[in-house]
N, C-alpha and C. Protein backbone atom coordinates (compact mmCIF):
# COMPACT_ATOMS: atom_id res chain seq x y z
N MET A 1 6.57 -20.30 -2.97
CA MET A 1 5.31 -19.60 -2.76
C MET A 1 4.62 -19.47 -4.10
N THR A 2 3.39 -19.85 -4.14
CA THR A 2 2.62 -19.74 -5.38
C THR A 2 2.08 -18.34 -5.52
N ALA A 3 1.67 -18.01 -6.72
CA ALA A 3 1.11 -16.67 -6.95
C ALA A 3 -0.14 -16.46 -6.12
N ALA A 4 -0.98 -17.49 -6.03
CA ALA A 4 -2.21 -17.35 -5.25
C ALA A 4 -1.90 -17.17 -3.78
N HIS A 5 -0.90 -17.91 -3.27
CA HIS A 5 -0.54 -17.76 -1.86
C HIS A 5 0.03 -16.38 -1.60
N GLY A 6 0.91 -15.92 -2.50
CA GLY A 6 1.52 -14.60 -2.31
C GLY A 6 0.48 -13.49 -2.29
N SER A 7 -0.56 -13.59 -3.11
CA SER A 7 -1.56 -12.53 -3.13
C SER A 7 -2.41 -12.54 -1.87
N ALA A 8 -2.53 -13.68 -1.19
CA ALA A 8 -3.31 -13.73 0.04
C ALA A 8 -2.63 -12.97 1.16
N ASP A 9 -1.31 -12.79 1.07
CA ASP A 9 -0.57 -12.09 2.11
C ASP A 9 -0.65 -10.57 1.96
N ARG A 10 -1.09 -10.09 0.81
CA ARG A 10 -1.05 -8.66 0.55
C ARG A 10 -2.45 -8.12 0.31
N PRO A 11 -2.81 -7.05 1.04
CA PRO A 11 -4.13 -6.46 0.80
C PRO A 11 -4.17 -5.78 -0.56
N GLY A 12 -5.37 -5.62 -1.07
CA GLY A 12 -5.54 -4.85 -2.29
C GLY A 12 -5.36 -5.65 -3.56
N ARG A 13 -5.14 -6.93 -3.46
CA ARG A 13 -5.00 -7.76 -4.66
C ARG A 13 -6.37 -8.14 -5.17
N GLY A 14 -6.48 -8.36 -6.45
CA GLY A 14 -7.75 -8.72 -7.05
C GLY A 14 -7.90 -10.22 -7.17
N ALA A 15 -7.80 -10.72 -8.40
CA ALA A 15 -7.99 -12.14 -8.67
C ALA A 15 -7.00 -12.97 -7.86
N GLY A 16 -7.50 -14.05 -7.31
CA GLY A 16 -6.64 -14.95 -6.56
C GLY A 16 -6.57 -14.66 -5.08
N GLU A 17 -7.13 -13.54 -4.62
CA GLU A 17 -7.07 -13.24 -3.19
C GLU A 17 -8.03 -14.14 -2.44
N ASP A 18 -7.61 -14.59 -1.29
CA ASP A 18 -8.38 -15.49 -0.44
C ASP A 18 -9.67 -14.78 0.01
N PRO A 19 -10.85 -15.29 -0.35
CA PRO A 19 -12.11 -14.62 0.01
C PRO A 19 -12.33 -14.56 1.52
N LEU A 20 -11.87 -15.55 2.25
CA LEU A 20 -12.02 -15.53 3.71
C LEU A 20 -11.14 -14.44 4.32
N LEU A 21 -9.95 -14.26 3.78
CA LEU A 21 -9.06 -13.20 4.24
C LEU A 21 -9.70 -11.84 3.99
N VAL A 22 -10.29 -11.65 2.83
CA VAL A 22 -10.98 -10.40 2.49
C VAL A 22 -12.11 -10.14 3.49
N LEU A 23 -12.90 -11.16 3.76
CA LEU A 23 -14.02 -11.05 4.70
C LEU A 23 -13.54 -10.67 6.10
N LEU A 24 -12.48 -11.33 6.58
CA LEU A 24 -11.96 -11.03 7.92
C LEU A 24 -11.41 -9.61 7.98
N ARG A 25 -10.75 -9.16 6.93
CA ARG A 25 -10.22 -7.79 6.91
C ARG A 25 -11.35 -6.77 6.93
N ARG A 26 -12.43 -7.06 6.21
CA ARG A 26 -13.58 -6.13 6.23
C ARG A 26 -14.20 -6.06 7.62
N ARG A 27 -14.33 -7.21 8.26
CA ARG A 27 -15.00 -7.28 9.57
C ARG A 27 -14.14 -6.73 10.70
N TYR A 28 -12.83 -7.03 10.69
CA TYR A 28 -11.96 -6.69 11.82
C TYR A 28 -10.87 -5.68 11.47
N GLY A 29 -10.90 -5.14 10.26
CA GLY A 29 -9.83 -4.27 9.78
C GLY A 29 -9.67 -2.96 10.52
N GLN A 30 -10.69 -2.52 11.25
CA GLN A 30 -10.56 -1.28 12.03
C GLN A 30 -9.72 -1.48 13.28
N THR A 31 -9.56 -2.74 13.69
CA THR A 31 -8.84 -3.06 14.93
C THR A 31 -7.57 -3.85 14.68
N TRP A 32 -7.58 -4.68 13.63
CA TRP A 32 -6.49 -5.63 13.39
C TRP A 32 -5.95 -5.52 11.97
N SER A 33 -4.66 -5.71 11.81
CA SER A 33 -4.05 -5.95 10.50
C SER A 33 -3.96 -7.46 10.36
N ILE A 34 -4.61 -8.02 9.35
CA ILE A 34 -4.75 -9.48 9.24
C ILE A 34 -4.05 -9.97 7.98
N ARG A 35 -3.32 -11.07 8.13
CA ARG A 35 -2.68 -11.73 7.00
C ARG A 35 -2.66 -13.22 7.26
N ARG A 36 -2.18 -13.97 6.29
CA ARG A 36 -2.08 -15.41 6.49
C ARG A 36 -0.91 -15.97 5.69
N THR A 37 -0.46 -17.11 6.13
CA THR A 37 0.53 -17.88 5.39
C THR A 37 -0.17 -19.17 4.97
N ALA A 38 0.57 -20.10 4.46
CA ALA A 38 -0.03 -21.37 4.05
C ALA A 38 -0.62 -22.12 5.24
N HIS A 39 -0.08 -21.89 6.45
CA HIS A 39 -0.51 -22.67 7.61
C HIS A 39 -0.98 -21.84 8.80
N LEU A 40 -0.81 -20.53 8.77
CA LEU A 40 -1.14 -19.71 9.94
C LEU A 40 -1.99 -18.50 9.57
N TRP A 41 -2.87 -18.12 10.50
CA TRP A 41 -3.62 -16.87 10.44
C TRP A 41 -2.96 -15.94 11.45
N ILE A 42 -2.67 -14.69 11.06
CA ILE A 42 -1.93 -13.76 11.90
C ILE A 42 -2.65 -12.42 11.93
N ALA A 43 -2.83 -11.88 13.13
CA ALA A 43 -3.43 -10.56 13.29
C ALA A 43 -2.56 -9.74 14.23
N THR A 44 -2.35 -8.48 13.87
CA THR A 44 -1.60 -7.56 14.71
C THR A 44 -2.51 -6.39 15.04
N ALA A 45 -2.63 -6.08 16.32
CA ALA A 45 -3.49 -4.97 16.75
C ALA A 45 -2.97 -3.66 16.18
N LEU A 46 -3.86 -2.82 15.68
CA LEU A 46 -3.48 -1.51 15.16
C LEU A 46 -3.12 -0.55 16.28
N ASP A 47 -3.62 -0.80 17.49
CA ASP A 47 -3.31 0.02 18.66
C ASP A 47 -2.23 -0.69 19.47
N PRO A 48 -0.98 -0.20 19.45
CA PRO A 48 0.09 -0.88 20.18
C PRO A 48 -0.09 -0.85 21.70
N ASP A 49 -0.96 0.03 22.20
CA ASP A 49 -1.20 0.14 23.64
C ASP A 49 -2.49 -0.55 24.06
N CYS A 50 -2.99 -1.46 23.24
CA CYS A 50 -4.24 -2.15 23.57
C CYS A 50 -4.09 -2.95 24.87
N ASP A 51 -5.21 -3.24 25.50
CA ASP A 51 -5.18 -3.94 26.79
C ASP A 51 -5.28 -5.46 26.63
N HIS A 52 -5.07 -5.97 25.43
CA HIS A 52 -5.10 -7.41 25.17
C HIS A 52 -3.86 -7.78 24.36
N ALA A 53 -3.70 -9.05 24.07
CA ALA A 53 -2.55 -9.50 23.27
C ALA A 53 -2.48 -8.71 21.97
N PRO A 54 -1.33 -8.11 21.65
CA PRO A 54 -1.23 -7.31 20.44
C PRO A 54 -1.07 -8.13 19.16
N THR A 55 -0.75 -9.42 19.30
CA THR A 55 -0.57 -10.29 18.13
C THR A 55 -1.26 -11.62 18.37
N LEU A 56 -1.99 -12.07 17.38
CA LEU A 56 -2.65 -13.37 17.42
C LEU A 56 -2.08 -14.22 16.30
N VAL A 57 -1.77 -15.47 16.59
CA VAL A 57 -1.28 -16.41 15.58
C VAL A 57 -1.95 -17.75 15.85
N GLN A 58 -2.67 -18.25 14.87
CA GLN A 58 -3.39 -19.52 15.03
C GLN A 58 -3.36 -20.31 13.72
N PRO A 59 -3.23 -21.63 13.80
CA PRO A 59 -3.33 -22.45 12.59
C PRO A 59 -4.79 -22.72 12.19
N ASP A 60 -5.71 -22.63 13.13
CA ASP A 60 -7.12 -22.93 12.89
C ASP A 60 -7.92 -21.64 12.78
N VAL A 61 -8.65 -21.45 11.68
CA VAL A 61 -9.36 -20.20 11.45
C VAL A 61 -10.48 -19.98 12.47
N GLU A 62 -11.13 -21.03 12.94
CA GLU A 62 -12.20 -20.85 13.93
C GLU A 62 -11.64 -20.35 15.26
N THR A 63 -10.51 -20.89 15.68
CA THR A 63 -9.85 -20.41 16.90
C THR A 63 -9.38 -18.98 16.69
N PHE A 64 -8.87 -18.69 15.51
CA PHE A 64 -8.40 -17.35 15.17
C PHE A 64 -9.53 -16.33 15.30
N VAL A 65 -10.69 -16.64 14.74
CA VAL A 65 -11.83 -15.72 14.81
C VAL A 65 -12.30 -15.54 16.25
N ARG A 66 -12.32 -16.61 17.04
CA ARG A 66 -12.68 -16.48 18.46
C ARG A 66 -11.73 -15.52 19.17
N GLU A 67 -10.44 -15.61 18.85
CA GLU A 67 -9.47 -14.70 19.47
C GLU A 67 -9.61 -13.27 18.95
N LEU A 68 -10.01 -13.09 17.70
CA LEU A 68 -10.29 -11.74 17.21
C LEU A 68 -11.45 -11.13 17.98
N GLU A 69 -12.46 -11.94 18.27
CA GLU A 69 -13.63 -11.47 19.02
C GLU A 69 -13.29 -11.22 20.49
N GLU A 70 -12.53 -12.12 21.09
CA GLU A 70 -12.15 -12.01 22.50
C GLU A 70 -10.67 -12.32 22.63
N PRO A 71 -9.81 -11.32 22.39
CA PRO A 71 -8.37 -11.56 22.42
C PRO A 71 -7.89 -11.97 23.82
N PRO A 72 -6.86 -12.81 23.87
CA PRO A 72 -6.30 -13.19 25.17
C PRO A 72 -5.59 -12.01 25.82
N ALA A 73 -5.25 -12.17 27.08
CA ALA A 73 -4.57 -11.12 27.83
C ALA A 73 -3.16 -10.87 27.27
N ARG A 74 -2.65 -9.69 27.54
CA ARG A 74 -1.28 -9.35 27.17
C ARG A 74 -0.29 -10.15 28.01
N ALA A 75 0.92 -10.30 27.51
CA ALA A 75 1.98 -10.93 28.28
C ALA A 75 2.60 -9.94 29.26
N CYS A 76 2.52 -8.64 28.95
CA CYS A 76 3.03 -7.62 29.87
C CYS A 76 1.91 -6.63 30.16
N ARG A 77 2.13 -5.79 31.14
CA ARG A 77 1.11 -4.81 31.51
C ARG A 77 0.88 -3.79 30.40
N PRO A 78 -0.37 -3.34 30.23
CA PRO A 78 -0.62 -2.28 29.24
C PRO A 78 0.20 -1.04 29.58
N GLY A 79 0.69 -0.39 28.56
CA GLY A 79 1.49 0.82 28.77
C GLY A 79 2.95 0.53 29.00
N ARG A 80 3.29 -0.72 29.26
CA ARG A 80 4.70 -1.07 29.44
C ARG A 80 5.21 -1.63 28.12
N ALA A 81 6.28 -1.07 27.63
CA ALA A 81 6.78 -1.47 26.32
C ALA A 81 7.34 -2.88 26.34
N SER A 82 7.03 -3.61 25.32
CA SER A 82 7.63 -4.92 25.12
C SER A 82 9.10 -4.75 24.81
N LEU A 83 9.91 -5.71 25.22
CA LEU A 83 11.34 -5.66 24.90
C LEU A 83 11.57 -5.77 23.40
N LEU A 84 10.56 -6.19 22.66
CA LEU A 84 10.69 -6.31 21.21
C LEU A 84 10.18 -5.08 20.47
N SER A 85 9.65 -4.09 21.19
CA SER A 85 9.07 -2.93 20.52
C SER A 85 10.16 -1.99 20.00
N ALA A 86 9.86 -1.34 18.88
CA ALA A 86 10.81 -0.41 18.28
C ALA A 86 11.13 0.74 19.23
N GLY A 87 10.13 1.21 19.98
CA GLY A 87 10.36 2.30 20.92
C GLY A 87 11.33 1.92 22.02
N TRP A 88 11.20 0.72 22.54
CA TRP A 88 12.11 0.26 23.59
C TRP A 88 13.53 0.20 23.05
N PHE A 89 13.70 -0.35 21.86
CA PHE A 89 15.03 -0.42 21.26
C PHE A 89 15.61 0.97 21.04
N ALA A 90 14.82 1.89 20.52
CA ALA A 90 15.30 3.24 20.26
C ALA A 90 15.76 3.93 21.54
N ASP A 91 15.09 3.65 22.65
CA ASP A 91 15.42 4.29 23.92
C ASP A 91 16.57 3.61 24.66
N ASN A 92 16.87 2.36 24.35
CA ASN A 92 17.78 1.59 25.19
C ASN A 92 19.02 1.02 24.51
N VAL A 93 19.11 1.08 23.21
CA VAL A 93 20.28 0.51 22.53
C VAL A 93 20.81 1.47 21.49
N GLU A 94 22.06 1.23 21.09
CA GLU A 94 22.67 2.01 20.03
C GLU A 94 22.95 1.10 18.85
N ARG A 95 22.70 1.61 17.65
CA ARG A 95 22.99 0.83 16.45
C ARG A 95 24.50 0.76 16.23
N VAL A 96 24.95 -0.39 15.78
CA VAL A 96 26.36 -0.60 15.49
C VAL A 96 26.46 -0.99 14.02
N GLY A 97 26.99 -0.12 13.20
CA GLY A 97 27.09 -0.43 11.77
C GLY A 97 25.75 -0.30 11.08
N GLY A 98 25.71 -0.71 9.83
CA GLY A 98 24.51 -0.56 9.03
C GLY A 98 23.73 -1.83 8.83
N ASP A 99 24.09 -2.91 9.53
CA ASP A 99 23.43 -4.19 9.30
C ASP A 99 22.30 -4.48 10.29
N GLY A 100 21.94 -3.51 11.12
CA GLY A 100 20.85 -3.70 12.07
C GLY A 100 21.29 -4.19 13.43
N ALA A 101 22.59 -4.45 13.61
CA ALA A 101 23.08 -4.91 14.91
C ALA A 101 23.02 -3.75 15.91
N CYS A 102 22.70 -4.07 17.17
CA CYS A 102 22.58 -3.07 18.22
C CYS A 102 23.35 -3.53 19.45
N VAL A 103 23.69 -2.57 20.30
CA VAL A 103 24.38 -2.88 21.55
C VAL A 103 23.75 -2.06 22.67
N ASP A 104 23.64 -2.67 23.84
CA ASP A 104 23.16 -1.99 25.05
C ASP A 104 24.39 -1.77 25.91
N LEU A 105 24.78 -0.51 26.11
CA LEU A 105 26.00 -0.19 26.83
C LEU A 105 25.84 -0.20 28.34
N ARG A 106 24.62 -0.37 28.83
CA ARG A 106 24.41 -0.41 30.28
C ARG A 106 24.91 -1.74 30.83
N PRO A 107 25.37 -1.75 32.09
CA PRO A 107 25.78 -3.03 32.68
C PRO A 107 24.57 -3.94 32.88
N PRO A 108 24.80 -5.24 32.93
CA PRO A 108 23.68 -6.18 33.13
C PRO A 108 22.95 -5.90 34.43
N MET A 109 21.63 -6.07 34.42
CA MET A 109 20.83 -5.92 35.64
C MET A 109 20.83 -7.24 36.38
N THR A 110 21.07 -7.18 37.68
CA THR A 110 21.05 -8.43 38.47
C THR A 110 20.02 -8.36 39.55
C-alpha cells in the first residue's frame, strides 16, 4: 500500500487525499461512511436500520454514485437483524476464549 493510497482510506488526511473521495464524503457523509481501496468504492449506511442496502461496493465510481443516490433494496427485511450484525451475535452466541471465536449452544434449526 502506498502512502497516497493509505491516506485515501482515512478521513481527515491532508496532502495526498483523493479529491473525489473528499467530494463524495462532503456530499453523502450525513448518510454514508465512504472509503475506497485501489479497486473498490465502499459505502456503509450510518443508519443500521435503513430500508435499503446498508453496504454498497462497486468498482466503478459512476455506478457507485448512482447507488448512493438510489440504493438497492436490502437483502433482508428492515428491522430484522442480519446474521452478520454485532447485535445478533451478542444475543445468540457465546465467546470462547479471547481470539474472537464464538459458539451457538442451541441445537440446529431444521
